[in-house]
Amino acid sequence: MKTLEEVLRESAKAGRLNYLSVAFQKGQWEASYRGIENKDFRHVTHPDVACAVRLALTGRPGDAPVPPKRTKPATSAFDPLGDIL
């Protein structure tokens, strides 16, 4: 699968990329793409910015990144201010 950078460079080099915009709205990333022909237009939303841009440029979804696992913060029995208070 091509990287997002490769997709952007190929679209620009081929002269197909006329307009690309990215915005964060209502907890989602919105990407709008317009090519050189009137029918070549896409407006998509996705939680991941890279996936939104790729989907707008190619019309095909990319691999979404794996969300990080949530872990509990480490707690310590040592209290440095315990002797003062």
PDB file of N, CA and C in Angstrom:
ATOM      1  N   MET A   1       0.836  -1.164   0.000  1.00  0.00           N
ATOM      2  CA  MET A   1       0.000   0.000   0.000  1.00  0.00           C
ATOM      3  C   MET A   1       0.897   1.249   0.000  1.00  0.00           C
ATOM      4  N   LYS A   2       0.505   2.223  -0.783  1.00  0.00           N
ATOM      5  CA  LYS A   2       1.273   3.462  -0.883  1.00  0.00           C
ATOM      6  C   LYS A   2       1.083   4.304   0.363  1.00  0.00           C
ATOM      7  N   THR A   3       2.125   5.046   0.702  1.00  0.00           N
ATOM      8  CA  THR A   3       2.019   5.959   1.827  1.00  0.00           C
ATOM      9  C   THR A   3       1.194   7.169   1.420  1.00  0.00           C
ATOM     10  N   LEU A   4       0.735   7.905   2.400  1.00  0.00           N
ATOM     11  CA  LEU A   4      -0.037   9.112   2.129  1.00  0.00           C
ATOM     12  C   LEU A   4       0.798  10.116   1.340  1.00  0.00           C
ATOM     13  N   GLU A   5       2.067  10.214   1.660  1.00  0.00           N
ATOM     14  CA  GLU A   5       2.955  11.122   0.933  1.00  0.00           C
ATOM     15  C   GLU A   5       3.042  10.740  -0.547  1.00  0.00           C
ATOM     16  N   GLU A   6       3.155   9.448  -0.832  1.00  0.00           N
ATOM     17  CA  GLU A   6       3.224   8.991  -2.224  1.00  0.00           C
ATOM     18  C   GLU A   6       1.927   9.301  -2.977  1.00  0.00           C
ATOM     19  N   VAL A   7       0.790   9.116  -2.324  1.00  0.00           N
ATOM     20  CA  VAL A   7      -0.499   9.402  -2.949  1.00  0.00           C
ATOM     21  C   VAL A   7      -0.614  10.892  -3.272  1.00  0.00           C
ATOM     22  N   LEU A   8      -0.206  11.740  -2.336  1.00  0.00           N
ATOM     23  CA  LEU A   8      -0.238  13.196  -2.561  1.00  0.00           C
ATOM     24  C   LEU A   8       0.682  13.599  -3.706  1.00  0.00           C
ATOM     25  N   ARG A   9       1.890  13.090  -3.690  1.00  0.00           N
ATOM     26  CA  ARG A   9       2.858  13.442  -4.735  1.00  0.00           C
ATOM     27  C   ARG A   9       2.400  12.977  -6.118  1.00  0.00           C
ATOM     28  N   GLU A  10       1.840  11.770  -6.199  1.00  0.00           N
ATOM     29  CA  GLU A  10       1.364  11.254  -7.485  1.00  0.00           C
ATOM     30  C   GLU A  10       0.204  12.084  -8.034  1.00  0.00           C
ATOM     31  N   SER A  11      -0.732  12.466  -7.155  1.00  0.00           N
ATOM     32  CA  SER A  11      -1.864  13.286  -7.592  1.00  0.00           C
ATOM     33  C   SER A  11      -1.399  14.645  -8.084  1.00  0.00           C
ATOM     34  N   ALA A  12      -0.478  15.247  -7.366  1.00  0.00           N
ATOM     35  CA  ALA A  12       0.033  16.562  -7.761  1.00  0.00           C
ATOM     36  C   ALA A  12       0.858  16.476  -9.046  1.00  0.00           C
ATOM     37  N   LYS A  13       1.707  15.464  -9.146  1.00  0.00           N
ATOM     38  CA  LYS A  13       2.569  15.318 -10.319  1.00  0.00           C
ATOM     39  C   LYS A  13       1.753  15.049 -11.580  1.00  0.00           C
ATOM     40  N   ALA A  14       0.652  14.297 -11.445  1.00  0.00           N
ATOM     41  CA  ALA A  14      -0.196  13.985 -12.588  1.00  0.00           C
ATOM     42  C   ALA A  14      -1.084  15.165 -12.978  1.00  0.00           C
ATOM     43  N   GLY A  15      -1.092  16.215 -12.157  1.00  0.00           N
ATOM     44  CA  GLY A  15      -1.904  17.384 -12.456  1.00  0.00           C
ATOM     45  C   GLY A  15      -3.374  17.196 -12.147  1.00  0.00           C
ATOM     46  N   ARG A  16      -3.707  16.207 -11.324  1.00  0.00           N
ATOM     47  CA  ARG A  16      -5.106  15.941 -10.976  1.00  0.00           C
ATOM     48  C   ARG A  16      -5.541  16.685  -9.726  1.00  0.00           C
ATOM     49  N   LEU A  17      -4.616  17.128  -8.917  1.00  0.00           N
ATOM     50  CA  LEU A  17      -4.942  17.751  -7.637  1.00  0.00           C
ATOM     51  C   LEU A  17      -5.163  19.243  -7.828  1.00  0.00           C
ATOM     52  N   ASN A  18      -6.378  19.669  -7.648  1.00  0.00           N
ATOM     53  CA  ASN A  18      -6.717  21.082  -7.779  1.00  0.00           C
ATOM     54  C   ASN A  18      -6.911  21.722  -6.406  1.00  0.00           C
ATOM     55  N   TYR A  19      -7.522  20.988  -5.466  1.00  0.00           N
ATOM     56  CA  TYR A  19      -7.840  21.547  -4.148  1.00  0.00           C
ATOM     57  C   TYR A  19      -7.896  20.424  -3.129  1.00  0.00           C
ATOM     58  N   LEU A  20      -7.330  20.670  -1.959  1.00  0.00           N
ATOM     59  CA  LEU A  20      -7.398  19.718  -0.849  1.00  0.00           C
ATOM     60  C   LEU A  20      -7.506  20.511   0.434  1.00  0.00           C
ATOM     61  N   SER A  21      -8.481  20.161   1.255  1.00  0.00           N
ATOM     62  CA  SER A  21      -8.637  20.851   2.526  1.00  0.00           C
ATOM     63  C   SER A  21      -8.906  19.837   3.621  1.00  0.00           C
ATOM     64  N   VAL A  22      -8.434  20.145   4.823  1.00  0.00           N
ATOM     65  CA  VAL A  22      -8.615  19.278   5.980  1.00  0.00           C
ATOM     66  C   VAL A  22      -9.085  20.143   7.143  1.00  0.00           C
ATOM     67  N   ALA A  23     -10.116  19.678   7.851  1.00  0.00           N
ATOM     68  CA  ALA A  23     -10.643  20.407   9.003  1.00  0.00           C
ATOM     69  C   ALA A  23     -11.092  19.408  10.062  1.00  0.00           C
ATOM     70  N   PHE A  24     -11.090  19.861  11.310  1.00  0.00           N
ATOM     71  CA  PHE A  24     -11.563  19.025  12.415  1.00  0.00           C
ATOM     72  C   PHE A  24     -12.920  19.556  12.856  1.00  0.00           C
ATOM     73  N   GLN A  25     -13.959  18.755  12.685  1.00  0.00           N
ATOM     74  CA  GLN A  25     -15.322  19.158  13.012  1.00  0.00           C
ATOM     75  C   GLN A  25     -16.027  18.053  13.785  1.00  0.00           C
ATOM     76  N   LYS A  26     -16.616  18.389  14.912  1.00  0.00           N
ATOM     77  CA  LYS A  26     -17.453  17.465  15.692  1.00  0.00           C
ATOM     78  C   LYS A  26     -16.754  16.142  15.995  1.00  0.00           C
ATOM     79  N   GLY A  27     -15.488  16.210  16.346  1.00  0.00           N
ATOM     80  CA  GLY A  27     -14.742  15.021  16.731  1.00  0.00           C
ATOM     81  C   GLY A  27     -14.261  14.149  15.581  1.00  0.00           C
ATOM     82  N   GLN A  28     -14.408  14.609  14.345  1.00  0.00           N
ATOM     83  CA  GLN A  28     -13.980  13.857  13.162  1.00  0.00           C
ATOM     84  C   GLN A  28     -13.155  14.771  12.267  1.00  0.00           C
ATOM     85  N   TRP A  29     -12.303  14.173  11.461  1.00  0.00           N
ATOM     86  CA  TRP A  29     -11.541  14.924  10.464  1.00  0.00           C
ATOM     87  C   TRP A  29     -12.321  14.918   9.160  1.00  0.00           C
ATOM     88  N   GLU A  30     -12.469  16.078   8.560  1.00  0.00           N
ATOM     89  CA  GLU A  30     -13.131  16.210   7.265  1.00  0.00           C
ATOM     90  C   GLU A  30     -12.077  16.559   6.230  1.00  0.00           C
ATOM     91  N   ALA A  31     -12.078  15.837   5.136  1.00  0.00           N
ATOM     92  CA  ALA A  31     -11.160  16.115   4.038  1.00  0.00           C
ATOM     93  C   ALA A  31     -11.974  16.320   2.767  1.00  0.00           C
ATOM     94  N   SER A  32     -11.665  17.380   2.044  1.00  0.00           N
ATOM     95  CA  SER A  32     -12.325  17.666   0.772  1.00  0.00           C
ATOM     96  C   SER A  32     -11.280  17.687  -0.323  1.00  0.00           C
ATOM     97  N   TYR A  33     -11.604  17.061  -1.418  1.00  0.00           N
ATOM     98  CA  TYR A  33     -10.704  16.980  -2.567  1.00  0.00           C
ATOM     99  C   TYR A  33     -11.469  17.410  -3.808  1.00  0.00           C
ATOM    100  N   ARG A  34     -10.823  18.185  -4.652  1.00  0.00           N
ATOM    101  CA  ARG A  34     -11.377  18.522  -5.959  1.00  0.00           C
ATOM    102  C   ARG A  34     -10.290  18.333  -6.990  1.00  0.00           C
ATOM    103  N   GLY A  35     -10.633  17.583  -8.020  1.00  0.00           N
ATOM    104  CA  GLY A  35      -9.716  17.362  -9.133  1.00  0.00           C
ATOM    105  C   GLY A  35      -9.929  18.415 -10.201  1.00  0.00           C
ATOM    106  N   ILE A  36      -9.424  18.144 -11.384  1.00  0.00           N
ATOM    107  CA  ILE A  36      -9.508  19.130 -12.460  1.00  0.00           C
ATOM    108  C   ILE A  36     -10.834  19.053 -13.215  1.00  0.00           C
ATOM    109  N   GLU A  37     -11.586  17.973 -13.046  1.00  0.00           N
ATOM    110  CA  GLU A  37     -12.895  17.850 -13.682  1.00  0.00           C
ATOM    111  C   GLU A  37     -13.982  18.080 -12.640  1.00  0.00           C
ATOM    112  N   ASN A  38     -15.120  18.621 -13.069  1.00  0.00           N
ATOM    113  CA  ASN A  38     -16.203  18.925 -12.137  1.00  0.00           C
ATOM    114  C   ASN A  38     -16.706  17.698 -11.396  1.00  0.00           C
ATOM    115  N   LYS A  39     -16.731  16.548 -12.055  1.00  0.00           N
ATOM    116  CA  LYS A  39     -17.230  15.335 -11.406  1.00  0.00           C
ATOM    117  C   LYS A  39     -16.215  14.739 -10.427  1.00  0.00           C
ATOM    118  N   ASP A  40     -14.986  15.201 -10.451  1.00  0.00           N
ATOM    119  CA  ASP A  40     -13.925  14.667  -9.590  1.00  0.00           C
ATOM    120  C   ASP A  40     -13.893  15.447  -8.278  1.00  0.00           C
ATOM    121  N   PHE A  41     -14.763  15.040  -7.341  1.00  0.00           N
ATOM    122  CA  PHE A  41     -14.884  15.728  -6.059  1.00  0.00           C
ATOM    123  C   PHE A  41     -15.255  14.713  -4.986  1.00  0.00           C
ATOM    124  N   ARG A  42     -14.623  14.811  -3.820  1.00  0.00           N
ATOM    125  CA  ARG A  42     -14.969  13.962  -2.689  1.00  0.00           C
ATOM    126  C   ARG A  42     -14.886  14.777  -1.406  1.00  0.00           C
ATOM    127  N   HIS A  43     -15.815  14.509  -0.507  1.00  0.00           N
ATOM    128  CA  HIS A  43     -15.824  15.100   0.826  1.00  0.00           C
ATOM    129  C   HIS A  43     -16.093  13.962   1.799  1.00  0.00           C
ATOM    130  N   VAL A  44     -15.131  13.675   2.681  1.00  0.00           N
ATOM    131  CA  VAL A  44     -15.242  12.523   3.576  1.00  0.00           C
ATOM    132  C   VAL A  44     -14.945  12.931   5.011  1.00  0.00           C
ATOM    133  N   THR A  45     -15.398  12.114   5.946  1.00  0.00           N
ATOM    134  CA  THR A  45     -15.064  12.289   7.366  1.00  0.00           C
ATOM    135  C   THR A  45     -14.517  10.981   7.896  1.00  0.00           C
ATOM    136  N   HIS A  46     -13.582  11.091   8.828  1.00  0.00           N
ATOM    137  CA  HIS A  46     -12.957   9.907   9.432  1.00  0.00           C
ATOM    138  C   HIS A  46     -12.321  10.340  10.747  1.00  0.00           C
ATOM    139  N   PRO A  47     -12.250   9.458  11.744  1.00  0.00           N
ATOM    140  CA  PRO A  47     -11.610   9.827  13.009  1.00  0.00           C
ATOM    141  C   PRO A  47     -10.098  10.045  12.899  1.00  0.00           C
ATOM    142  N   ASP A  48      -9.462   9.452  11.879  1.00  0.00           N
ATOM    143  CA  ASP A  48      -8.015   9.599  11.701  1.00  0.00           C
ATOM    144  C   ASP A  48      -7.743  10.531  10.520  1.00  0.00           C
ATOM    145  N   VAL A  49      -6.899  11.525  10.712  1.00  0.00           N
ATOM    146  CA  VAL A  49      -6.651  12.530   9.679  1.00  0.00           C
ATOM    147  C   VAL A  49      -6.008  11.932   8.430  1.00  0.00           C
ATOM    148  N   ALA A  50      -5.054  11.045   8.594  1.00  0.00           N
ATOM    149  CA  ALA A  50      -4.389  10.448   7.428  1.00  0.00           C
ATOM    150  C   ALA A  50      -5.363   9.606   6.620  1.00  0.00           C
ATOM    151  N   CYS A  51      -6.230   8.873   7.283  1.00  0.00           N
ATOM    152  CA  CYS A  51      -7.223   8.059   6.575  1.00  0.00           C
ATOM    153  C   CYS A  51      -8.231   8.944   5.853  1.00  0.00           C
ATOM    154  N   ALA A  52      -8.604  10.060   6.460  1.00  0.00           N
ATOM    155  CA  ALA A  52      -9.547  10.978   5.809  1.00  0.00           C
ATOM    156  C   ALA A  52      -8.947  11.550   4.530  1.00  0.00           C
ATOM    157  N   VAL A  53      -7.683  11.959   4.576  1.00  0.00           N
ATOM    158  CA  VAL A  53      -7.037  12.536   3.392  1.00  0.00           C
ATOM    159  C   VAL A  53      -6.875  11.477   2.311  1.00  0.00           C
ATOM    160  N   ARG A  54      -6.446  10.286   2.685  1.00  0.00           N
ATOM    161  CA  ARG A  54      -6.274   9.202   1.702  1.00  0.00           C
ATOM    162  C   ARG A  54      -7.611   8.855   1.044  1.00  0.00           C
ATOM    163  N   LEU A  55      -8.662   8.774   1.840  1.00  0.00           N
ATOM    164  CA  LEU A  55      -9.976   8.453   1.314  1.00  0.00           C
ATOM    165  C   LEU A  55     -10.475   9.552   0.371  1.00  0.00           C
ATOM    166  N   ALA A  56     -10.201  10.808   0.695  1.00  0.00           N
ATOM    167  CA  ALA A  56     -10.604  11.913  -0.174  1.00  0.00           C
ATOM    168  C   ALA A  56      -9.826  11.884  -1.491  1.00  0.00           C
ATOM    169  N   LEU A  57      -8.540  11.582  -1.436  1.00  0.00           N
ATOM    170  CA  LEU A  57      -7.716  11.580  -2.652  1.00  0.00           C
ATOM    171  C   LEU A  57      -7.983  10.384  -3.549  1.00  0.00           C
ATOM    172  N   THR A  58      -8.126   9.206  -2.968  1.00  0.00           N
ATOM    173  CA  THR A  58      -8.193   7.981  -3.763  1.00  0.00           C
ATOM    174  C   THR A  58      -9.576   7.357  -3.822  1.00  0.00           C
ATOM    175  N   GLY A  59     -10.417   7.671  -2.866  1.00  0.00           N
ATOM    176  CA  GLY A  59     -11.713   7.001  -2.793  1.00  0.00           C
ATOM    177  C   GLY A  59     -11.625   5.643  -2.138  1.00  0.00           C
ATOM    178  N   ARG A  60     -10.430   5.259  -1.712  1.00  0.00           N
ATOM    179  CA  ARG A  60     -10.223   3.970  -1.045  1.00  0.00           C
ATOM    180  C   ARG A  60      -9.702   4.207   0.363  1.00  0.00           C
ATOM    181  N   PRO A  61     -10.253   3.521   1.345  1.00  0.00           N
ATOM    182  CA  PRO A  61      -9.758   3.690   2.702  1.00  0.00           C
ATOM    183  C   PRO A  61      -8.371   3.077   2.874  1.00  0.00           C
ATOM    184  N   GLY A  62      -7.600   3.662   3.753  1.00  0.00           N
ATOM    185  CA  GLY A  62      -6.295   3.104   4.082  1.00  0.00           C
ATOM    186  C   GLY A  62      -6.383   2.334   5.383  1.00  0.00           C
ATOM    187  N   ASP A  63      -5.271   1.850   5.835  1.00  0.00           N
ATOM    188  CA  ASP A  63      -5.225   1.152   7.111  1.00  0.00           C
ATOM    189  C   ASP A  63      -5.276   2.173   8.229  1.00  0.00           C
ATOM    190  N   ALA A  64      -6.283   2.074   9.055  1.00  0.00           N
ATOM    191  CA  ALA A  64      -6.387   2.975  10.200  1.00  0.00           C
ATOM    192  C   ALA A  64      -5.369   2.548  11.253  1.00  0.00           C
ATOM    193  N   PRO A  65      -4.757   3.499  11.920  1.00  0.00           N
ATOM    194  CA  PRO A  65      -3.794   3.135  12.960  1.00  0.00           C
ATOM    195  C   PRO A  65      -4.490   2.448  14.122  1.00  0.00           C
ATOM    196  N   VAL A  66      -3.760   1.582  14.757  1.00  0.00           N
ATOM    197  CA  VAL A  66      -4.295   0.875  15.919  1.00  0.00           C
ATOM    198  C   VAL A  66      -4.339   1.844  17.096  1.00  0.00           C
ATOM    199  N   PRO A  67      -5.511   1.993  17.733  1.00  0.00           N
ATOM    200  CA  PRO A  67      -5.570   2.910  18.872  1.00  0.00           C
ATOM    201  C   PRO A  67      -4.694   2.408  20.014  1.00  0.00           C
ATOM    202  N   PRO A  68      -4.074   3.323  20.757  1.00  0.00           N
ATOM    203  CA  PRO A  68      -3.201   2.894  21.849  1.00  0.00           C
ATOM    204  C   PRO A  68      -4.006   2.238  22.965  1.00  0.00           C
ATOM    205  N   LYS A  69      -3.381   1.255  23.597  1.00  0.00           N
ATOM    206  CA  LYS A  69      -4.034   0.586  24.718  1.00  0.00           C
ATOM    207  C   LYS A  69      -3.971   1.495  25.938  1.00  0.00           C
ATOM    208  N   ARG A  70      -5.067   1.566  26.630  1.00  0.00           N
ATOM    209  CA  ARG A  70      -5.108   2.383  27.848  1.00  0.00           C
ATOM    210  C   ARG A  70      -4.582   1.547  29.016  1.00  0.00           C
ATOM    211  N   THR A  71      -3.670   2.135  29.752  1.00  0.00           N
ATOM    212  CA  THR A  71      -3.131   1.463  30.927  1.00  0.00           C
ATOM    213  C   THR A  71      -3.309   2.372  32.126  1.00  0.00           C
ATOM    214  N   LYS A  72      -3.426   1.763  33.279  1.00  0.00           N
ATOM    215  CA  LYS A  72      -3.557   2.546  34.502  1.00  0.00           C
ATOM    216  C   LYS A  72      -2.193   3.150  34.836  1.00  0.00           C
ATOM    217  N   PRO A  73      -2.179   4.392  35.313  1.00  0.00           N
ATOM    218  CA  PRO A  73      -0.904   4.974  35.703  1.00  0.00           C
ATOM    219  C   PRO A  73      -0.316   4.219  36.895  1.00  0.00           C
ATOM    220  N   ALA A  74       0.976   4.121  36.895  1.00  0.00           N
ATOM    221  CA  ALA A  74       1.664   3.429  37.990  1.00  0.00           C
ATOM    222  C   ALA A  74       1.523   4.242  39.264  1.00  0.00           C
ATOM    223  N   THR A  75       1.179   3.582  40.338  1.00  0.00           N
ATOM    224  CA  THR A  75       1.077   4.256  41.637  1.00  0.00           C
ATOM    225  C   THR A  75       2.256   3.834  42.491  1.00  0.00           C
ATOM    226  N   SER A  76       2.670   4.730  43.299  1.00  0.00           N
ATOM    227  CA  SER A  76       3.816   4.463  44.152  1.00  0.00           C
ATOM    228  C   SER A  76       3.405   4.568  45.607  1.00  0.00           C
ATOM    229  N   ALA A  77       3.962   3.698  46.432  1.00  0.00           N
ATOM    230  CA  ALA A  77       3.684   3.738  47.862  1.00  0.00           C
ATOM    231  C   ALA A  77       4.500   4.838  48.532  1.00  0.00           C
ATOM    232  N   PHE A  78       5.512   5.345  47.848  1.00  0.00           N
ATOM    233  CA  PHE A  78       6.378   6.376  48.410  1.00  0.00           C
ATOM    234  C   PHE A  78       5.708   7.739  48.259  1.00  0.00           C
ATOM    235  N   ASP A  79       5.575   8.476  49.362  1.00  0.00           N
ATOM    236  CA  ASP A  79       4.991   9.817  49.350  1.00  0.00           C
ATOM    237  C   ASP A  79       6.051  10.780  49.849  1.00  0.00           C
ATOM    238  N   PRO A  80       6.683  11.572  48.916  1.00  0.00           N
ATOM    239  CA  PRO A  80       7.771  12.450  49.338  1.00  0.00           C
ATOM    240  C   PRO A  80       7.328  13.559  50.284  1.00  0.00           C
ATOM    241  N   LEU A  81       6.055  13.925  50.265  1.00  0.00           N
ATOM    242  CA  LEU A  81       5.583  14.982  51.162  1.00  0.00           C
ATOM    243  C   LEU A  81       4.895  14.422  52.392  1.00  0.00           C
ATOM    244  N   GLY A  82       4.871  13.143  52.546  1.00  0.00           N
ATOM    245  CA  GLY A  82       4.198  12.516  53.667  1.00  0.00           C
ATOM    246  C   GLY A  82       4.746  12.920  55.026  1.00  0.00           C
ATOM    247  N   ASP A  83       6.057  13.180  55.121  1.00  0.00           N
ATOM    248  CA  ASP A  83       6.649  13.550  56.401  1.00  0.00           C
ATOM    249  C   ASP A  83       6.322  15.001  56.767  1.00  0.00           C
ATOM    250  N   ILE A  84       6.066  15.827  55.796  1.00  0.00           N
ATOM    251  CA  ILE A  84       5.827  17.247  56.054  1.00  0.00           C
ATOM    252  C   ILE A  84       4.389  17.479  56.492  1.00  0.00           C
ATOM    253  N   LEU A  85       3.466  16.798  55.880  1.00  0.00           N
ATOM    254  CA  LEU A  85       2.053  17.031  56.166  1.00  0.00           C
ATOM    255  C   LEU A  85       1.669  16.223  57.323  1.00  0.00           C
TER     256      LEU A  85
END
